[in-house]
Amino acid sequence: MSRCPWATIELAIAYHDKEWGVPLHDDRMLFEFLILEGAQAGLSWITILKKRENYRKAFDGFRAEKIAHYGARDVKRLLGDAGIVRNRLKIAATIQNAKAFLAVREELGSFDAYLWSFVGGKPKQNRWRRMANVPARTAESDAMSRDLLRRGFKFVGSTICYALMQATGMVNDHLVACPRHAELGGAPRRK
């Protein structure tokens, strides 16, 4: 199988084959990916994948309603948790993002509809032949980043937003040679 070249170890292969690029419309899961992509800033995605279950435990299953009420005791607990990235700014951003997430849901009805509006509600089908062609950001991720920041979100720069879009299937960035490209709606590879 000619997978995307970044999927080289078992954990990354499983993530690539089952999750990455699959259109996601569940508010709680979208919030989880937003937090994990922000946690990844400056680190490798595999580092975050290895810590994903620990994140779920440490942050109450990514239930924003609970995280939004975290206080100093919770921050101290999280800073002592070796199972997550112990960065005070990223922990504070998660709490702030939970509050902003709830505000978006209150205003617009769903976080899903809000995020997907940046791609017109359906996945953008790209046709990249090499990883070097895949952008780190786009006009859509720039717009998403600006609006998230305006709404009080943290750790949501354009590159983080584009990674979120890739992970949650807003864009299909599997290479055309990868079987997942066609499986996720991309046109079949031309011979």
N, C-alpha and C. Protein backbone atom coordinates (compact mmCIF):
# COMPACT_ATOMS: atom_id res chain seq x y z
N MET A 1 0.85 -1.19 0.00
CA MET A 1 0.00 0.00 0.00
C MET A 1 0.88 1.24 0.00
N SER A 2 0.57 2.17 -0.86
CA SER A 2 1.37 3.39 -0.99
C SER A 2 0.75 4.52 -0.16
N ARG A 3 0.92 4.41 1.17
CA ARG A 3 0.38 5.41 2.08
C ARG A 3 1.12 6.74 1.94
N CYS A 4 0.52 7.77 2.51
CA CYS A 4 1.23 9.04 2.64
C CYS A 4 2.52 8.78 3.42
N PRO A 5 3.63 9.38 3.00
CA PRO A 5 4.93 9.02 3.56
C PRO A 5 5.14 9.33 5.04
N TRP A 6 4.29 10.15 5.65
CA TRP A 6 4.47 10.46 7.08
C TRP A 6 3.99 9.32 7.98
N ALA A 7 3.20 8.39 7.44
CA ALA A 7 2.68 7.27 8.24
C ALA A 7 3.66 6.12 8.21
N THR A 8 4.62 6.15 9.13
CA THR A 8 5.71 5.17 9.09
C THR A 8 5.74 4.24 10.30
N ILE A 9 5.21 4.66 11.44
CA ILE A 9 5.20 3.77 12.60
C ILE A 9 3.76 3.33 12.87
N GLU A 10 3.60 2.26 13.62
CA GLU A 10 2.29 1.64 13.80
C GLU A 10 1.20 2.62 14.23
N LEU A 11 1.48 3.44 15.22
CA LEU A 11 0.48 4.40 15.71
C LEU A 11 0.08 5.39 14.61
N ALA A 12 1.05 5.89 13.87
CA ALA A 12 0.77 6.83 12.78
C ALA A 12 0.03 6.15 11.63
N ILE A 13 0.36 4.90 11.35
CA ILE A 13 -0.31 4.15 10.28
C ILE A 13 -1.78 3.95 10.64
N ALA A 14 -2.06 3.56 11.87
CA ALA A 14 -3.45 3.36 12.30
C ALA A 14 -4.22 4.67 12.22
N TYR A 15 -3.61 5.76 12.67
CA TYR A 15 -4.25 7.08 12.61
C TYR A 15 -4.52 7.47 11.15
N HIS A 16 -3.52 7.30 10.30
CA HIS A 16 -3.64 7.61 8.87
C HIS A 16 -4.77 6.80 8.23
N ASP A 17 -4.81 5.50 8.50
CA ASP A 17 -5.74 4.61 7.83
C ASP A 17 -7.18 4.71 8.33
N LYS A 18 -7.36 5.19 9.57
CA LYS A 18 -8.71 5.18 10.14
C LYS A 18 -9.29 6.57 10.42
N GLU A 19 -8.44 7.56 10.69
CA GLU A 19 -8.96 8.85 11.15
C GLU A 19 -8.60 10.05 10.29
N TRP A 20 -7.33 10.18 9.93
CA TRP A 20 -6.85 11.41 9.30
C TRP A 20 -7.57 11.66 7.98
N GLY A 21 -8.19 12.80 7.90
CA GLY A 21 -8.87 13.19 6.67
C GLY A 21 -10.31 12.71 6.55
N VAL A 22 -10.80 11.97 7.55
CA VAL A 22 -12.19 11.52 7.53
C VAL A 22 -13.07 12.68 8.01
N PRO A 23 -14.06 13.09 7.21
CA PRO A 23 -14.92 14.20 7.62
C PRO A 23 -15.56 13.94 8.98
N LEU A 24 -15.33 14.89 9.89
CA LEU A 24 -15.77 14.77 11.28
C LEU A 24 -16.78 15.87 11.57
N HIS A 25 -17.91 15.49 12.16
CA HIS A 25 -18.97 16.47 12.43
C HIS A 25 -19.47 16.42 13.87
N ASP A 26 -18.69 15.86 14.76
CA ASP A 26 -19.06 15.76 16.17
C ASP A 26 -18.39 16.90 16.94
N ASP A 27 -19.20 17.74 17.59
CA ASP A 27 -18.66 18.91 18.28
C ASP A 27 -17.56 18.56 19.28
N ARG A 28 -17.79 17.54 20.11
CA ARG A 28 -16.80 17.20 21.13
C ARG A 28 -15.49 16.73 20.49
N MET A 29 -15.59 15.93 19.42
CA MET A 29 -14.37 15.46 18.74
C MET A 29 -13.66 16.61 18.02
N LEU A 30 -14.41 17.52 17.45
CA LEU A 30 -13.78 18.69 16.82
C LEU A 30 -13.04 19.52 17.87
N PHE A 31 -13.65 19.67 19.04
CA PHE A 31 -12.98 20.39 20.14
C PHE A 31 -11.71 19.65 20.55
N GLU A 32 -11.78 18.33 20.64
CA GLU A 32 -10.59 17.53 20.99
C GLU A 32 -9.47 17.79 19.99
N PHE A 33 -9.78 17.74 18.71
CA PHE A 33 -8.74 17.96 17.70
C PHE A 33 -8.20 19.39 17.77
N LEU A 34 -9.06 20.36 18.04
CA LEU A 34 -8.59 21.74 18.17
C LEU A 34 -7.56 21.84 19.30
N ILE A 35 -7.86 21.21 20.42
CA ILE A 35 -6.95 21.24 21.57
C ILE A 35 -5.66 20.47 21.27
N LEU A 36 -5.79 19.29 20.68
CA LEU A 36 -4.59 18.49 20.40
C LEU A 36 -3.70 19.15 19.36
N GLU A 37 -4.30 19.77 18.34
CA GLU A 37 -3.48 20.47 17.34
C GLU A 37 -2.74 21.63 17.97
N GLY A 38 -3.39 22.34 18.89
CA GLY A 38 -2.72 23.43 19.61
C GLY A 38 -1.62 22.91 20.52
N ALA A 39 -1.85 21.77 21.16
CA ALA A 39 -0.84 21.16 22.04
C ALA A 39 0.39 20.75 21.24
N GLN A 40 0.17 20.43 19.96
CA GLN A 40 1.26 19.96 19.11
C GLN A 40 2.23 21.08 18.72
N ALA A 41 1.81 22.32 18.82
CA ALA A 41 2.66 23.44 18.38
C ALA A 41 4.09 23.28 18.91
N GLY A 42 5.04 23.24 17.99
CA GLY A 42 6.45 23.10 18.36
C GLY A 42 6.88 21.67 18.60
N LEU A 43 5.98 20.72 18.49
CA LEU A 43 6.27 19.31 18.73
C LEU A 43 5.85 18.49 17.51
N SER A 44 6.12 17.20 17.55
CA SER A 44 5.68 16.34 16.45
C SER A 44 4.29 15.80 16.76
N TRP A 45 3.52 15.52 15.71
CA TRP A 45 2.18 14.99 15.91
C TRP A 45 2.23 13.62 16.58
N ILE A 46 3.26 12.83 16.30
CA ILE A 46 3.36 11.51 16.92
C ILE A 46 3.48 11.63 18.44
N THR A 47 4.15 12.68 18.92
CA THR A 47 4.25 12.93 20.36
C THR A 47 2.85 13.09 20.96
N ILE A 48 2.00 13.84 20.27
CA ILE A 48 0.64 14.08 20.75
C ILE A 48 -0.20 12.81 20.63
N LEU A 49 -0.05 12.08 19.53
CA LEU A 49 -0.80 10.82 19.38
C LEU A 49 -0.48 9.86 20.53
N LYS A 50 0.79 9.80 20.92
CA LYS A 50 1.19 8.91 22.02
C LYS A 50 0.56 9.34 23.34
N LYS A 51 0.28 10.64 23.48
CA LYS A 51 -0.28 11.17 24.72
C LYS A 51 -1.81 11.36 24.65
N ARG A 52 -2.40 10.99 23.55
CA ARG A 52 -3.83 11.29 23.33
C ARG A 52 -4.74 10.72 24.41
N GLU A 53 -4.56 9.46 24.77
CA GLU A 53 -5.40 8.87 25.82
C GLU A 53 -5.19 9.56 27.16
N ASN A 54 -3.94 9.95 27.43
CA ASN A 54 -3.67 10.69 28.66
C ASN A 54 -4.38 12.04 28.65
N TYR A 55 -4.40 12.69 27.50
CA TYR A 55 -5.12 13.96 27.36
C TYR A 55 -6.60 13.76 27.65
N ARG A 56 -7.17 12.71 27.11
CA ARG A 56 -8.60 12.46 27.33
C ARG A 56 -8.90 12.30 28.80
N LYS A 57 -8.02 11.58 29.52
CA LYS A 57 -8.22 11.39 30.97
C LYS A 57 -8.00 12.71 31.71
N ALA A 58 -6.91 13.39 31.41
CA ALA A 58 -6.55 14.61 32.13
C ALA A 58 -7.57 15.73 31.93
N PHE A 59 -8.18 15.78 30.74
CA PHE A 59 -9.13 16.86 30.41
C PHE A 59 -10.57 16.35 30.33
N ASP A 60 -10.92 15.42 31.23
CA ASP A 60 -12.31 14.98 31.37
C ASP A 60 -12.98 14.63 30.04
N GLY A 61 -12.28 13.87 29.21
CA GLY A 61 -12.87 13.44 27.95
C GLY A 61 -13.15 14.58 26.99
N PHE A 62 -12.44 15.69 27.17
CA PHE A 62 -12.61 16.89 26.34
C PHE A 62 -14.04 17.43 26.42
N ARG A 63 -14.64 17.30 27.59
CA ARG A 63 -15.97 17.89 27.81
C ARG A 63 -15.78 19.36 28.16
N ALA A 64 -16.05 20.21 27.19
CA ALA A 64 -15.81 21.65 27.34
C ALA A 64 -16.57 22.23 28.53
N GLU A 65 -17.77 21.72 28.79
CA GLU A 65 -18.57 22.24 29.91
C GLU A 65 -17.82 22.09 31.24
N LYS A 66 -17.07 21.04 31.36
CA LYS A 66 -16.30 20.80 32.58
C LYS A 66 -14.99 21.60 32.57
N ILE A 67 -14.28 21.56 31.45
CA ILE A 67 -12.98 22.25 31.33
C ILE A 67 -13.14 23.76 31.54
N ALA A 68 -14.23 24.33 31.07
CA ALA A 68 -14.45 25.77 31.19
C ALA A 68 -14.47 26.24 32.65
N HIS A 69 -14.72 25.31 33.56
CA HIS A 69 -14.77 25.67 34.99
C HIS A 69 -13.49 25.30 35.75
N TYR A 70 -12.45 24.88 35.03
CA TYR A 70 -11.20 24.55 35.70
C TYR A 70 -10.63 25.79 36.39
N GLY A 71 -10.04 25.56 37.54
CA GLY A 71 -9.43 26.64 38.30
C GLY A 71 -7.96 26.35 38.59
N ALA A 72 -7.41 27.07 39.55
CA ALA A 72 -5.98 26.97 39.88
C ALA A 72 -5.59 25.55 40.28
N ARG A 73 -6.44 24.85 41.02
CA ARG A 73 -6.13 23.48 41.45
C ARG A 73 -6.01 22.55 40.23
N ASP A 74 -6.89 22.74 39.25
CA ASP A 74 -6.83 21.93 38.03
C ASP A 74 -5.55 22.22 37.24
N VAL A 75 -5.20 23.49 37.14
CA VAL A 75 -3.97 23.87 36.42
C VAL A 75 -2.76 23.22 37.09
N LYS A 76 -2.72 23.27 38.42
CA LYS A 76 -1.61 22.65 39.16
C LYS A 76 -1.57 21.14 38.89
N ARG A 77 -2.73 20.50 38.91
CA ARG A 77 -2.82 19.06 38.63
C ARG A 77 -2.28 18.76 37.22
N LEU A 78 -2.69 19.56 36.26
CA LEU A 78 -2.28 19.33 34.87
C LEU A 78 -0.78 19.59 34.68
N LEU A 79 -0.26 20.59 35.34
CA LEU A 79 1.18 20.87 35.24
C LEU A 79 2.02 19.73 35.82
N GLY A 80 1.43 18.94 36.71
CA GLY A 80 2.13 17.81 37.31
C GLY A 80 1.88 16.49 36.58
N ASP A 81 1.10 16.52 35.52
CA ASP A 81 0.73 15.30 34.80
C ASP A 81 1.73 15.03 33.66
N ALA A 82 2.59 14.04 33.86
CA ALA A 82 3.62 13.71 32.87
C ALA A 82 3.02 13.10 31.60
N GLY A 83 1.74 12.75 31.62
CA GLY A 83 1.11 12.13 30.47
C GLY A 83 0.67 13.12 29.39
N ILE A 84 0.78 14.43 29.68
CA ILE A 84 0.43 15.46 28.71
C ILE A 84 1.61 16.41 28.53
N VAL A 85 1.49 17.33 27.61
CA VAL A 85 2.51 18.37 27.45
C VAL A 85 2.26 19.39 28.57
N ARG A 86 3.22 19.49 29.47
CA ARG A 86 3.05 20.34 30.65
C ARG A 86 3.54 21.76 30.37
N ASN A 87 2.76 22.46 29.60
CA ASN A 87 3.07 23.83 29.21
C ASN A 87 1.94 24.70 29.74
N ARG A 88 2.29 25.63 30.64
CA ARG A 88 1.29 26.46 31.30
C ARG A 88 0.42 27.22 30.29
N LEU A 89 1.05 27.76 29.23
CA LEU A 89 0.28 28.53 28.24
C LEU A 89 -0.71 27.64 27.48
N LYS A 90 -0.29 26.41 27.16
CA LYS A 90 -1.17 25.50 26.43
C LYS A 90 -2.31 25.02 27.33
N ILE A 91 -2.04 24.81 28.59
CA ILE A 91 -3.09 24.41 29.54
C ILE A 91 -4.09 25.56 29.71
N ALA A 92 -3.58 26.76 29.89
CA ALA A 92 -4.47 27.93 30.02
C ALA A 92 -5.28 28.12 28.75
N ALA A 93 -4.67 27.89 27.59
CA ALA A 93 -5.37 28.02 26.31
C ALA A 93 -6.50 27.00 26.21
N THR A 94 -6.28 25.79 26.71
CA THR A 94 -7.33 24.77 26.67
C THR A 94 -8.55 25.22 27.47
N ILE A 95 -8.31 25.80 28.64
CA ILE A 95 -9.42 26.28 29.47
C ILE A 95 -10.13 27.44 28.77
N GLN A 96 -9.37 28.38 28.26
CA GLN A 96 -9.96 29.51 27.53
C GLN A 96 -10.71 29.02 26.29
N ASN A 97 -10.14 28.05 25.58
CA ASN A 97 -10.79 27.54 24.37
C ASN A 97 -12.10 26.83 24.69
N ALA A 98 -12.16 26.18 25.85
CA ALA A 98 -13.42 25.55 26.26
C ALA A 98 -14.50 26.61 26.43
N LYS A 99 -14.15 27.73 27.03
CA LYS A 99 -15.12 28.82 27.21
C LYS A 99 -15.54 29.40 25.86
N ALA A 100 -14.58 29.61 24.98
CA ALA A 100 -14.88 30.17 23.66
C ALA A 100 -15.70 29.18 22.82
N PHE A 101 -15.39 27.89 22.94
CA PHE A 101 -16.15 26.83 22.25
C PHE A 101 -17.62 26.88 22.68
N LEU A 102 -17.85 26.97 23.97
CA LEU A 102 -19.23 27.02 24.48
C LEU A 102 -19.95 28.27 23.99
N ALA A 103 -19.22 29.38 23.89
CA ALA A 103 -19.82 30.62 23.39
C ALA A 103 -20.22 30.49 21.92
N VAL A 104 -19.37 29.83 21.12
CA VAL A 104 -19.69 29.60 19.70
C VAL A 104 -20.94 28.73 19.59
N ARG A 105 -20.99 27.67 20.38
CA ARG A 105 -22.17 26.79 20.34
C ARG A 105 -23.43 27.53 20.77
N GLU A 106 -23.30 28.36 21.77
CA GLU A 106 -24.45 29.14 22.25
C GLU A 106 -24.94 30.09 21.15
N GLU A 107 -23.99 30.74 20.48
CA GLU A 107 -24.34 31.72 19.45
C GLU A 107 -24.83 31.08 18.15
N LEU A 108 -24.14 30.02 17.71
CA LEU A 108 -24.39 29.48 16.37
C LEU A 108 -25.06 28.11 16.34
N GLY A 109 -25.23 27.51 17.49
CA GLY A 109 -25.91 26.22 17.54
C GLY A 109 -24.98 25.02 17.52
N SER A 110 -23.90 25.10 16.75
CA SER A 110 -22.94 23.99 16.75
C SER A 110 -21.56 24.48 16.33
N PHE A 111 -20.56 23.88 16.94
CA PHE A 111 -19.17 24.17 16.58
C PHE A 111 -18.89 23.59 15.21
N ASP A 112 -19.51 22.45 14.92
CA ASP A 112 -19.36 21.77 13.64
C ASP A 112 -19.74 22.70 12.48
N ALA A 113 -20.93 23.25 12.52
CA ALA A 113 -21.39 24.14 11.43
C ALA A 113 -20.47 25.34 11.30
N TYR A 114 -20.02 25.86 12.43
CA TYR A 114 -19.11 27.01 12.42
C TYR A 114 -17.80 26.67 11.71
N LEU A 115 -17.12 25.61 12.14
CA LEU A 115 -15.83 25.26 11.54
C LEU A 115 -15.96 24.91 10.06
N TRP A 116 -16.96 24.10 9.74
CA TRP A 116 -17.12 23.67 8.35
C TRP A 116 -17.53 24.80 7.42
N SER A 117 -18.01 25.90 7.97
CA SER A 117 -18.38 27.04 7.12
C SER A 117 -17.17 27.61 6.39
N PHE A 118 -15.99 27.38 6.93
CA PHE A 118 -14.77 27.92 6.30
C PHE A 118 -14.38 27.17 5.03
N VAL A 119 -14.99 26.00 4.81
CA VAL A 119 -14.77 25.25 3.56
C VAL A 119 -16.08 25.05 2.81
N GLY A 120 -17.07 25.86 3.11
CA GLY A 120 -18.34 25.78 2.40
C GLY A 120 -19.17 24.55 2.75
N GLY A 121 -18.87 23.92 3.89
CA GLY A 121 -19.68 22.80 4.36
C GLY A 121 -19.34 21.44 3.79
N LYS A 122 -18.36 21.38 2.88
CA LYS A 122 -17.99 20.08 2.33
C LYS A 122 -16.48 20.01 2.13
N PRO A 123 -15.92 18.79 2.17
CA PRO A 123 -14.47 18.65 2.06
C PRO A 123 -13.92 19.20 0.74
N LYS A 124 -12.80 19.87 0.85
CA LYS A 124 -12.08 20.33 -0.34
C LYS A 124 -11.18 19.18 -0.79
N GLN A 125 -11.33 18.77 -2.03
CA GLN A 125 -10.57 17.63 -2.56
C GLN A 125 -9.30 18.14 -3.26
N ASN A 126 -8.17 17.96 -2.60
CA ASN A 126 -6.90 18.35 -3.21
C ASN A 126 -6.32 17.18 -3.98
N ARG A 127 -5.35 17.48 -4.82
CA ARG A 127 -4.72 16.43 -5.65
C ARG A 127 -3.19 16.55 -5.59
N TRP A 128 -2.66 16.45 -4.40
CA TRP A 128 -1.21 16.58 -4.22
C TRP A 128 -0.51 15.30 -4.64
N ARG A 129 0.60 15.45 -5.34
CA ARG A 129 1.39 14.29 -5.76
C ARG A 129 2.58 14.04 -4.84
N ARG A 130 3.05 15.11 -4.18
CA ARG A 130 4.20 14.99 -3.27
C ARG A 130 3.93 15.78 -2.01
N MET A 131 4.50 15.34 -0.90
CA MET A 131 4.31 16.05 0.37
C MET A 131 4.81 17.49 0.27
N ALA A 132 5.81 17.72 -0.54
CA ALA A 132 6.36 19.08 -0.69
C ALA A 132 5.32 20.05 -1.25
N ASN A 133 4.29 19.52 -1.93
CA ASN A 133 3.25 20.37 -2.50
C ASN A 133 2.17 20.76 -1.50
N VAL A 134 2.05 20.01 -0.42
CA VAL A 134 0.98 20.24 0.56
C VAL A 134 1.30 21.51 1.35
N PRO A 135 0.39 22.48 1.34
CA PRO A 135 0.66 23.74 2.03
C PRO A 135 0.57 23.59 3.55
N ALA A 136 1.18 24.50 4.26
CA ALA A 136 1.08 24.54 5.72
C ALA A 136 -0.10 25.40 6.16
N ARG A 137 -0.59 26.22 5.23
CA ARG A 137 -1.73 27.10 5.52
C ARG A 137 -2.36 27.51 4.20
N THR A 138 -3.60 27.95 4.26
CA THR A 138 -4.32 28.38 3.06
C THR A 138 -5.15 29.62 3.41
N ALA A 139 -5.79 30.19 2.41
CA ALA A 139 -6.67 31.33 2.67
C ALA A 139 -7.78 30.94 3.64
N GLU A 140 -8.29 29.71 3.52
CA GLU A 140 -9.34 29.24 4.42
C GLU A 140 -8.84 29.10 5.85
N SER A 141 -7.64 28.56 6.02
CA SER A 141 -7.11 28.43 7.39
C SER A 141 -6.75 29.79 7.97
N ASP A 142 -6.33 30.72 7.10
CA ASP A 142 -6.09 32.10 7.57
C ASP A 142 -7.38 32.71 8.10
N ALA A 143 -8.47 32.53 7.35
CA ALA A 143 -9.77 33.09 7.75
C ALA A 143 -10.26 32.43 9.04
N MET A 144 -10.11 31.11 9.14
CA MET A 144 -10.52 30.40 10.36
C MET A 144 -9.72 30.91 11.55
N SER A 145 -8.42 31.02 11.39
CA SER A 145 -7.56 31.49 12.47
C SER A 145 -7.96 32.89 12.94
N ARG A 146 -8.15 33.79 11.99
CA ARG A 146 -8.55 35.17 12.35
C ARG A 146 -9.85 35.18 13.14
N ASP A 147 -10.82 34.39 12.69
CA ASP A 147 -12.11 34.42 13.36
C ASP A 147 -12.06 33.74 14.72
N LEU A 148 -11.33 32.63 14.84
CA LEU A 148 -11.17 31.98 16.14
C LEU A 148 -10.49 32.93 17.12
N LEU A 149 -9.43 33.60 16.68
CA LEU A 149 -8.74 34.56 17.55
C LEU A 149 -9.68 35.68 17.98
N ARG A 150 -10.48 36.17 17.04
CA ARG A 150 -11.44 37.24 17.34
C ARG A 150 -12.43 36.79 18.41
N ARG A 151 -12.73 35.51 18.42
CA ARG A 151 -13.69 34.96 19.38
C ARG A 151 -13.03 34.54 20.69
N GLY A 152 -11.73 34.79 20.84
CA GLY A 152 -11.05 34.53 22.10
C GLY A 152 -10.30 33.21 22.20
N PHE A 153 -10.23 32.45 21.11
CA PHE A 153 -9.47 31.20 21.14
C PHE A 153 -7.98 31.49 21.15
N LYS A 154 -7.21 30.56 21.71
CA LYS A 154 -5.74 30.66 21.78
C LYS A 154 -5.11 29.44 21.09
N PHE A 155 -3.85 29.59 20.67
CA PHE A 155 -3.12 28.53 19.96
C PHE A 155 -3.92 28.07 18.74
N VAL A 156 -4.35 29.04 17.95
CA VAL A 156 -5.13 28.76 16.75
C VAL A 156 -4.59 29.55 15.56
N GLY A 157 -3.27 29.54 15.40
CA GLY A 157 -2.68 30.18 14.24
C GLY A 157 -3.09 29.45 12.97
N SER A 158 -2.80 30.03 11.83
CA SER A 158 -3.24 29.46 10.56
C SER A 158 -2.69 28.06 10.31
N THR A 159 -1.45 27.80 10.69
CA THR A 159 -0.87 26.46 10.49
C THR A 159 -1.59 25.43 11.35
N ILE A 160 -1.90 25.78 12.59
CA ILE A 160 -2.66 24.89 13.48
C ILE A 160 -4.05 24.66 12.89
N CYS A 161 -4.68 25.71 12.38
CA CYS A 161 -6.01 25.57 11.79
C CYS A 161 -5.97 24.67 10.55
N TYR A 162 -4.91 24.80 9.74
CA TYR A 162 -4.84 23.93 8.57
C TYR A 162 -4.64 22.47 8.98
N ALA A 163 -3.83 22.23 9.99
CA ALA A 163 -3.67 20.86 10.49
C ALA A 163 -5.00 20.32 11.01
N LEU A 164 -5.78 21.17 11.65
CA LEU A 164 -7.12 20.78 12.11
C LEU A 164 -8.01 20.43 10.92
N MET A 165 -7.95 21.24 9.88
CA MET A 165 -8.74 20.99 8.67
C MET A 165 -8.35 19.66 8.02
N GLN A 166 -7.06 19.37 7.99
CA GLN A 166 -6.59 18.10 7.43
C GLN A 166 -7.07 16.92 8.27
N ALA A 167 -6.88 17.03 9.58
CA ALA A 167 -7.21 15.92 10.48
C ALA A 167 -8.68 15.58 10.46
N THR A 168 -9.54 16.60 10.34
CA THR A 168 -10.98 16.40 10.46
C THR A 168 -11.69 16.34 9.11
N GLY A 169 -10.93 16.19 8.04
CA GLY A 169 -11.50 15.95 6.73
C GLY A 169 -12.09 17.16 6.03
N MET A 170 -11.82 18.35 6.52
CA MET A 170 -12.29 19.55 5.81
C MET A 170 -11.56 19.70 4.49
N VAL A 171 -10.34 19.16 4.46
CA VAL A 171 -9.58 19.07 3.22
C VAL A 171 -9.08 17.63 3.11
N ASN A 172 -9.03 17.11 1.91
CA ASN A 172 -8.47 15.79 1.66
C ASN A 172 -7.04 16.01 1.16
N ASP A 173 -6.09 15.87 2.07
CA ASP A 173 -4.69 16.07 1.72
C ASP A 173 -3.91 14.76 1.65
N HIS A 174 -4.61 13.63 1.55
CA HIS A 174 -3.90 12.40 1.24
C HIS A 174 -3.33 12.57 -0.17
N LEU A 175 -2.13 12.11 -0.39
CA LEU A 175 -1.55 12.18 -1.72
C LEU A 175 -2.38 11.34 -2.68
N VAL A 176 -2.40 11.72 -3.96
CA VAL A 176 -3.22 10.98 -4.92
C VAL A 176 -2.80 9.52 -5.05
N ALA A 177 -1.56 9.20 -4.78
CA ALA A 177 -1.08 7.81 -4.84
C ALA A 177 -1.55 6.99 -3.65
N CYS A 178 -2.01 7.63 -2.60
CA CYS A 178 -2.46 6.95 -1.39
C CYS A 178 -3.90 6.46 -1.61
N PRO A 179 -4.19 5.20 -1.32
CA PRO A 179 -5.55 4.69 -1.49
C PRO A 179 -6.61 5.48 -0.71
N ARG A 180 -6.22 6.08 0.40
CA ARG A 180 -7.18 6.84 1.21
C ARG A 180 -7.68 8.08 0.46
N HIS A 181 -6.90 8.59 -0.48
CA HIS A 181 -7.34 9.77 -1.23
C HIS A 181 -8.67 9.48 -1.93
N ALA A 182 -8.72 8.41 -2.71
CA ALA A 182 -9.94 8.05 -3.43
C ALA A 182 -11.03 7.59 -2.47
N GLU A 183 -10.66 6.85 -1.41
CA GLU A 183 -11.64 6.37 -0.44
C GLU A 183 -12.38 7.52 0.22
N LEU A 184 -11.71 8.66 0.35
CA LEU A 184 -12.32 9.82 1.01
C LEU A 184 -12.87 10.83 0.01
N GLY A 185 -13.13 10.37 -1.18
CA GLY A 185 -13.84 11.21 -2.15
C GLY A 185 -13.03 11.87 -3.21
N GLY A 186 -11.71 11.69 -3.18
CA GLY A 186 -10.87 12.26 -4.22
C GLY A 186 -11.04 11.50 -5.51
N ALA A 187 -10.85 12.17 -6.63
CA ALA A 187 -10.96 11.50 -7.93
C ALA A 187 -9.89 10.41 -8.01
N PRO A 188 -10.21 9.30 -8.66
CA PRO A 188 -9.21 8.22 -8.78
C PRO A 188 -7.94 8.72 -9.48
N ARG A 189 -6.85 8.11 -9.10
CA ARG A 189 -5.57 8.48 -9.69
C ARG A 189 -5.59 8.19 -11.18
N ARG A 190 -5.11 9.14 -11.96
CA ARG A 190 -5.02 8.93 -13.40
C ARG A 190 -3.78 8.11 -13.69
N LYS A 191 -3.92 7.18 -14.63
CA LYS A 191 -2.76 6.32 -14.97
C LYS A 191 -1.82 7.07 -15.88
